[in-house]
Amino acid sequence: MQKQVTAEDIGLAAAGLFLDQVKKGGNVDSHHQLFCLLLAAIAPDNVTRVRLGPLTPAGDAGLMLCRDFFSISFSTKKDTTYSYSPTTIYSCIGASLTNVSKKSA
């Protein structure tokens, strides 16, 4: 017989995962690093910066996608402001992609 999962168990698990993400630092949780890097790459041709915690395999793949498809490379700067969770600031100049399918008024 399986143990019944209570709402408290789910709440404790969710809180633990949330606190783990906070401990890693960064402005984006580890599950969304890829999307944030891709959005920075297609942004207008201004400097875009994002602070990330430890780079995940998906985030690393996002850096490669940006380099291969958009010819965008990111510069990195280690930020040790908070010794308990060192982060890295990734910055790039966006590719300025526009939606050509969008109808103009």
N, C-alpha and C. Protein backbone atom coordinates (compact mmCIF):
# COMPACT_ATOMS: atom_id res chain seq x y z
N MET A 1 0.84 -1.17 0.00
CA MET A 1 0.00 0.00 0.00
C MET A 1 0.89 1.24 0.00
N GLN A 2 0.53 2.21 -0.85
CA GLN A 2 1.31 3.43 -0.96
C GLN A 2 0.93 4.43 0.13
N LYS A 3 1.93 5.19 0.53
CA LYS A 3 1.68 6.22 1.53
C LYS A 3 0.92 7.36 0.87
N GLN A 4 -0.09 7.86 1.54
CA GLN A 4 -0.88 8.95 1.00
C GLN A 4 -0.11 10.26 1.16
N VAL A 5 -0.03 11.03 0.08
CA VAL A 5 0.68 12.31 0.10
C VAL A 5 -0.29 13.39 0.53
N THR A 6 0.09 14.14 1.54
CA THR A 6 -0.77 15.20 2.05
C THR A 6 -0.37 16.55 1.46
N ALA A 7 -1.22 17.52 1.64
CA ALA A 7 -0.93 18.88 1.16
C ALA A 7 0.31 19.44 1.86
N GLU A 8 0.50 19.09 3.10
CA GLU A 8 1.67 19.55 3.84
C GLU A 8 2.96 18.99 3.24
N ASP A 9 2.92 17.74 2.80
CA ASP A 9 4.10 17.13 2.17
C ASP A 9 4.46 17.86 0.88
N ILE A 10 3.45 18.18 0.10
CA ILE A 10 3.68 18.90 -1.16
C ILE A 10 4.20 20.30 -0.87
N GLY A 11 3.63 20.95 0.14
CA GLY A 11 4.08 22.29 0.52
C GLY A 11 5.53 22.30 0.99
N LEU A 12 5.90 21.30 1.79
CA LEU A 12 7.29 21.22 2.26
C LEU A 12 8.25 20.96 1.10
N ALA A 13 7.86 20.11 0.17
CA ALA A 13 8.71 19.83 -0.98
C ALA A 13 8.87 21.08 -1.85
N ALA A 14 7.78 21.80 -2.09
CA ALA A 14 7.84 23.02 -2.90
C ALA A 14 8.69 24.09 -2.22
N ALA A 15 8.53 24.24 -0.91
CA ALA A 15 9.33 25.23 -0.17
C ALA A 15 10.81 24.87 -0.22
N GLY A 16 11.12 23.59 -0.11
CA GLY A 16 12.52 23.16 -0.19
C GLY A 16 13.13 23.46 -1.55
N LEU A 17 12.39 23.20 -2.62
CA LEU A 17 12.89 23.51 -3.96
C LEU A 17 13.06 25.01 -4.15
N PHE A 18 12.12 25.79 -3.65
CA PHE A 18 12.20 27.24 -3.76
C PHE A 18 13.43 27.77 -3.02
N LEU A 19 13.64 27.32 -1.80
CA LEU A 19 14.80 27.78 -1.02
C LEU A 19 16.11 27.35 -1.66
N ASP A 20 16.11 26.20 -2.32
CA ASP A 20 17.31 25.76 -3.03
C ASP A 20 17.64 26.72 -4.17
N GLN A 21 16.63 27.18 -4.89
CA GLN A 21 16.85 28.14 -5.97
C GLN A 21 17.33 29.48 -5.43
N VAL A 22 16.77 29.92 -4.30
CA VAL A 22 17.19 31.18 -3.70
C VAL A 22 18.65 31.09 -3.27
N LYS A 23 19.04 29.95 -2.71
CA LYS A 23 20.41 29.75 -2.24
C LYS A 23 21.42 29.81 -3.38
N LYS A 24 21.00 29.36 -4.58
CA LYS A 24 21.91 29.38 -5.73
C LYS A 24 22.12 30.78 -6.27
N GLY A 25 21.27 31.72 -5.91
CA GLY A 25 21.42 33.09 -6.37
C GLY A 25 20.90 33.25 -7.80
N GLY A 26 21.14 34.42 -8.33
CA GLY A 26 20.70 34.71 -9.69
C GLY A 26 19.30 35.28 -9.72
N ASN A 27 18.94 35.86 -10.84
CA ASN A 27 17.63 36.45 -11.01
C ASN A 27 16.66 35.49 -11.69
N VAL A 28 17.17 34.41 -12.22
CA VAL A 28 16.36 33.45 -12.96
C VAL A 28 16.60 32.07 -12.35
N ASP A 29 15.53 31.31 -12.16
CA ASP A 29 15.74 29.98 -11.61
C ASP A 29 16.38 29.08 -12.67
N SER A 30 16.93 28.00 -12.23
CA SER A 30 17.73 27.15 -13.11
C SER A 30 16.92 26.53 -14.24
N HIS A 31 15.61 26.40 -14.06
CA HIS A 31 14.79 25.79 -15.10
C HIS A 31 14.53 26.73 -16.28
N HIS A 32 14.73 28.02 -16.09
CA HIS A 32 14.39 29.00 -17.12
C HIS A 32 15.60 29.75 -17.67
N GLN A 33 16.80 29.28 -17.40
CA GLN A 33 17.99 29.96 -17.90
C GLN A 33 18.02 30.00 -19.42
N LEU A 34 17.67 28.91 -20.06
CA LEU A 34 17.68 28.84 -21.52
C LEU A 34 16.81 29.92 -22.12
N PHE A 35 15.59 30.08 -21.62
CA PHE A 35 14.66 31.07 -22.18
C PHE A 35 15.16 32.49 -21.98
N CYS A 36 15.72 32.75 -20.83
CA CYS A 36 16.21 34.09 -20.54
C CYS A 36 17.39 34.45 -21.46
N LEU A 37 18.28 33.52 -21.69
CA LEU A 37 19.41 33.77 -22.58
C LEU A 37 18.96 33.97 -24.02
N LEU A 38 17.97 33.18 -24.45
CA LEU A 38 17.45 33.36 -25.81
C LEU A 38 16.75 34.71 -25.98
N LEU A 39 15.99 35.12 -24.97
CA LEU A 39 15.33 36.43 -25.04
C LEU A 39 16.36 37.56 -25.07
N ALA A 40 17.44 37.41 -24.33
CA ALA A 40 18.49 38.42 -24.36
C ALA A 40 19.13 38.49 -25.73
N ALA A 41 19.26 37.35 -26.40
CA ALA A 41 19.91 37.31 -27.71
C ALA A 41 19.06 37.95 -28.80
N ILE A 42 17.73 37.85 -28.70
CA ILE A 42 16.89 38.42 -29.76
C ILE A 42 16.38 39.81 -29.40
N ALA A 43 16.80 40.36 -28.29
CA ALA A 43 16.36 41.68 -27.83
C ALA A 43 16.88 42.76 -28.78
N PRO A 44 16.37 43.99 -28.62
CA PRO A 44 16.89 45.10 -29.42
C PRO A 44 18.40 45.27 -29.21
N ASP A 45 19.01 46.04 -30.09
CA ASP A 45 20.47 46.14 -30.07
C ASP A 45 21.00 47.03 -28.95
N ASN A 46 20.51 46.79 -27.77
CA ASN A 46 21.02 47.40 -26.55
C ASN A 46 21.73 46.32 -25.74
N VAL A 47 22.49 46.75 -24.77
CA VAL A 47 23.14 45.77 -23.91
C VAL A 47 22.11 45.17 -22.96
N THR A 48 22.03 43.86 -22.95
CA THR A 48 21.12 43.14 -22.06
C THR A 48 21.96 42.36 -21.07
N ARG A 49 21.62 42.49 -19.78
CA ARG A 49 22.36 41.79 -18.74
C ARG A 49 21.40 40.91 -17.95
N VAL A 50 21.90 39.76 -17.55
CA VAL A 50 21.12 38.87 -16.70
C VAL A 50 22.07 38.19 -15.71
N ARG A 51 21.61 38.08 -14.46
CA ARG A 51 22.41 37.44 -13.42
C ARG A 51 21.90 36.02 -13.23
N LEU A 52 22.80 35.06 -13.36
CA LEU A 52 22.43 33.66 -13.23
C LEU A 52 23.26 33.00 -12.14
N GLY A 53 22.68 32.00 -11.53
CA GLY A 53 23.42 31.16 -10.59
C GLY A 53 24.27 30.18 -11.40
N PRO A 54 24.58 29.04 -10.85
CA PRO A 54 25.36 28.05 -11.60
C PRO A 54 24.66 27.68 -12.91
N LEU A 55 25.40 27.67 -13.99
CA LEU A 55 24.83 27.40 -15.31
C LEU A 55 24.45 25.92 -15.42
N THR A 56 23.23 25.68 -15.85
CA THR A 56 22.73 24.32 -16.02
C THR A 56 23.09 23.83 -17.43
N PRO A 57 22.96 22.55 -17.71
CA PRO A 57 23.19 22.07 -19.07
C PRO A 57 22.27 22.75 -20.09
N ALA A 58 21.04 23.05 -19.71
CA ALA A 58 20.13 23.75 -20.61
C ALA A 58 20.61 25.18 -20.87
N GLY A 59 21.11 25.84 -19.84
CA GLY A 59 21.67 27.18 -20.01
C GLY A 59 22.89 27.17 -20.90
N ASP A 60 23.73 26.17 -20.74
CA ASP A 60 24.91 26.03 -21.59
C ASP A 60 24.49 25.80 -23.05
N ALA A 61 23.45 24.99 -23.25
CA ALA A 61 22.94 24.77 -24.60
C ALA A 61 22.39 26.07 -25.18
N GLY A 62 21.77 26.89 -24.34
CA GLY A 62 21.26 28.19 -24.79
C GLY A 62 22.37 29.10 -25.27
N LEU A 63 23.50 29.09 -24.56
CA LEU A 63 24.64 29.90 -25.02
C LEU A 63 25.14 29.43 -26.38
N MET A 64 25.17 28.12 -26.58
CA MET A 64 25.60 27.59 -27.88
C MET A 64 24.60 27.93 -28.98
N LEU A 65 23.30 27.85 -28.67
CA LEU A 65 22.28 28.21 -29.67
C LEU A 65 22.41 29.67 -30.07
N CYS A 66 22.63 30.53 -29.10
CA CYS A 66 22.78 31.96 -29.40
C CYS A 66 23.99 32.20 -30.28
N ARG A 67 25.07 31.50 -30.00
CA ARG A 67 26.28 31.67 -30.80
C ARG A 67 26.09 31.13 -32.21
N ASP A 68 25.47 29.95 -32.34
CA ASP A 68 25.36 29.31 -33.65
C ASP A 68 24.30 29.93 -34.54
N PHE A 69 23.13 30.27 -33.99
CA PHE A 69 22.02 30.74 -34.82
C PHE A 69 21.93 32.25 -34.94
N PHE A 70 22.31 32.98 -33.90
CA PHE A 70 22.18 34.43 -33.93
C PHE A 70 23.53 35.14 -34.00
N SER A 71 24.62 34.40 -33.97
CA SER A 71 25.98 34.97 -33.95
C SER A 71 26.14 35.96 -32.79
N ILE A 72 25.55 35.61 -31.68
CA ILE A 72 25.62 36.44 -30.47
C ILE A 72 26.49 35.73 -29.45
N SER A 73 27.47 36.45 -28.95
CA SER A 73 28.28 35.87 -27.88
C SER A 73 28.06 36.70 -26.62
N PHE A 74 28.10 36.03 -25.51
CA PHE A 74 27.88 36.67 -24.22
C PHE A 74 29.21 36.92 -23.54
N SER A 75 29.33 38.06 -22.91
CA SER A 75 30.48 38.27 -22.04
C SER A 75 30.05 37.92 -20.62
N THR A 76 30.97 37.41 -19.85
CA THR A 76 30.64 36.97 -18.50
C THR A 76 31.50 37.70 -17.49
N LYS A 77 30.90 37.94 -16.34
CA LYS A 77 31.62 38.59 -15.25
C LYS A 77 31.18 37.92 -13.95
N LYS A 78 32.12 37.35 -13.23
CA LYS A 78 31.81 36.73 -11.94
C LYS A 78 31.47 37.82 -10.94
N ASP A 79 30.41 37.59 -10.19
CA ASP A 79 29.99 38.53 -9.16
C ASP A 79 30.04 37.83 -7.81
N THR A 80 30.93 38.29 -6.95
CA THR A 80 31.09 37.67 -5.64
C THR A 80 30.60 38.60 -4.54
N THR A 81 29.62 39.43 -4.87
CA THR A 81 29.06 40.34 -3.87
C THR A 81 28.56 39.56 -2.66
N TYR A 82 27.89 38.47 -2.93
CA TYR A 82 27.37 37.63 -1.86
C TYR A 82 28.20 36.35 -1.83
N SER A 83 29.00 36.19 -0.80
CA SER A 83 29.92 35.06 -0.75
C SER A 83 29.20 33.73 -0.64
N TYR A 84 28.00 33.71 -0.08
CA TYR A 84 27.28 32.45 0.08
C TYR A 84 26.72 31.93 -1.24
N SER A 85 26.55 32.79 -2.23
CA SER A 85 26.06 32.31 -3.53
C SER A 85 26.66 33.16 -4.65
N PRO A 86 27.85 32.83 -5.08
CA PRO A 86 28.45 33.60 -6.18
C PRO A 86 27.64 33.41 -7.46
N THR A 87 27.45 34.48 -8.19
CA THR A 87 26.68 34.45 -9.42
C THR A 87 27.54 34.95 -10.57
N THR A 88 27.01 34.83 -11.77
CA THR A 88 27.69 35.32 -12.96
C THR A 88 26.73 36.23 -13.71
N ILE A 89 27.24 37.36 -14.17
CA ILE A 89 26.44 38.28 -14.97
C ILE A 89 26.78 38.04 -16.43
N TYR A 90 25.78 37.68 -17.22
CA TYR A 90 25.94 37.46 -18.65
C TYR A 90 25.39 38.68 -19.37
N SER A 91 26.15 39.23 -20.31
CA SER A 91 25.67 40.39 -21.05
C SER A 91 25.97 40.20 -22.54
N CYS A 92 25.08 40.76 -23.35
CA CYS A 92 25.24 40.69 -24.80
C CYS A 92 24.52 41.87 -25.44
N ILE A 93 24.82 42.10 -26.69
CA ILE A 93 24.09 43.07 -27.49
C ILE A 93 23.16 42.26 -28.38
N GLY A 94 21.86 42.51 -28.25
CA GLY A 94 20.86 41.69 -28.93
C GLY A 94 20.92 41.78 -30.44
N ALA A 95 20.29 40.82 -31.09
CA ALA A 95 20.27 40.72 -32.56
C ALA A 95 19.19 41.60 -33.18
N SER A 96 18.32 42.20 -32.38
CA SER A 96 17.26 43.09 -32.86
C SER A 96 16.32 42.40 -33.83
N LEU A 97 15.88 41.21 -33.50
CA LEU A 97 14.94 40.52 -34.38
C LEU A 97 13.58 41.18 -34.29
N THR A 98 12.88 41.23 -35.42
CA THR A 98 11.53 41.78 -35.45
C THR A 98 10.58 40.75 -36.02
N ASN A 99 9.33 40.88 -35.70
CA ASN A 99 8.30 39.98 -36.18
C ASN A 99 7.83 40.48 -37.55
N VAL A 100 8.26 39.82 -38.62
CA VAL A 100 7.90 40.27 -39.96
C VAL A 100 6.46 39.93 -40.30
N SER A 101 5.83 39.04 -39.55
CA SER A 101 4.45 38.66 -39.80
C SER A 101 3.45 39.63 -39.16
N LYS A 102 3.95 40.49 -38.29
CA LYS A 102 3.07 41.41 -37.60
C LYS A 102 2.55 42.47 -38.57
N LYS A 103 1.24 42.65 -38.59
CA LYS A 103 0.64 43.63 -39.48
C LYS A 103 0.78 45.01 -38.89
N SER A 104 1.20 45.94 -39.70
CA SER A 104 1.35 47.31 -39.22
C SER A 104 0.06 48.06 -39.44
N ALA A 105 -0.21 49.00 -38.57
CA ALA A 105 -1.47 49.74 -38.65
C ALA A 105 -1.38 50.90 -39.62
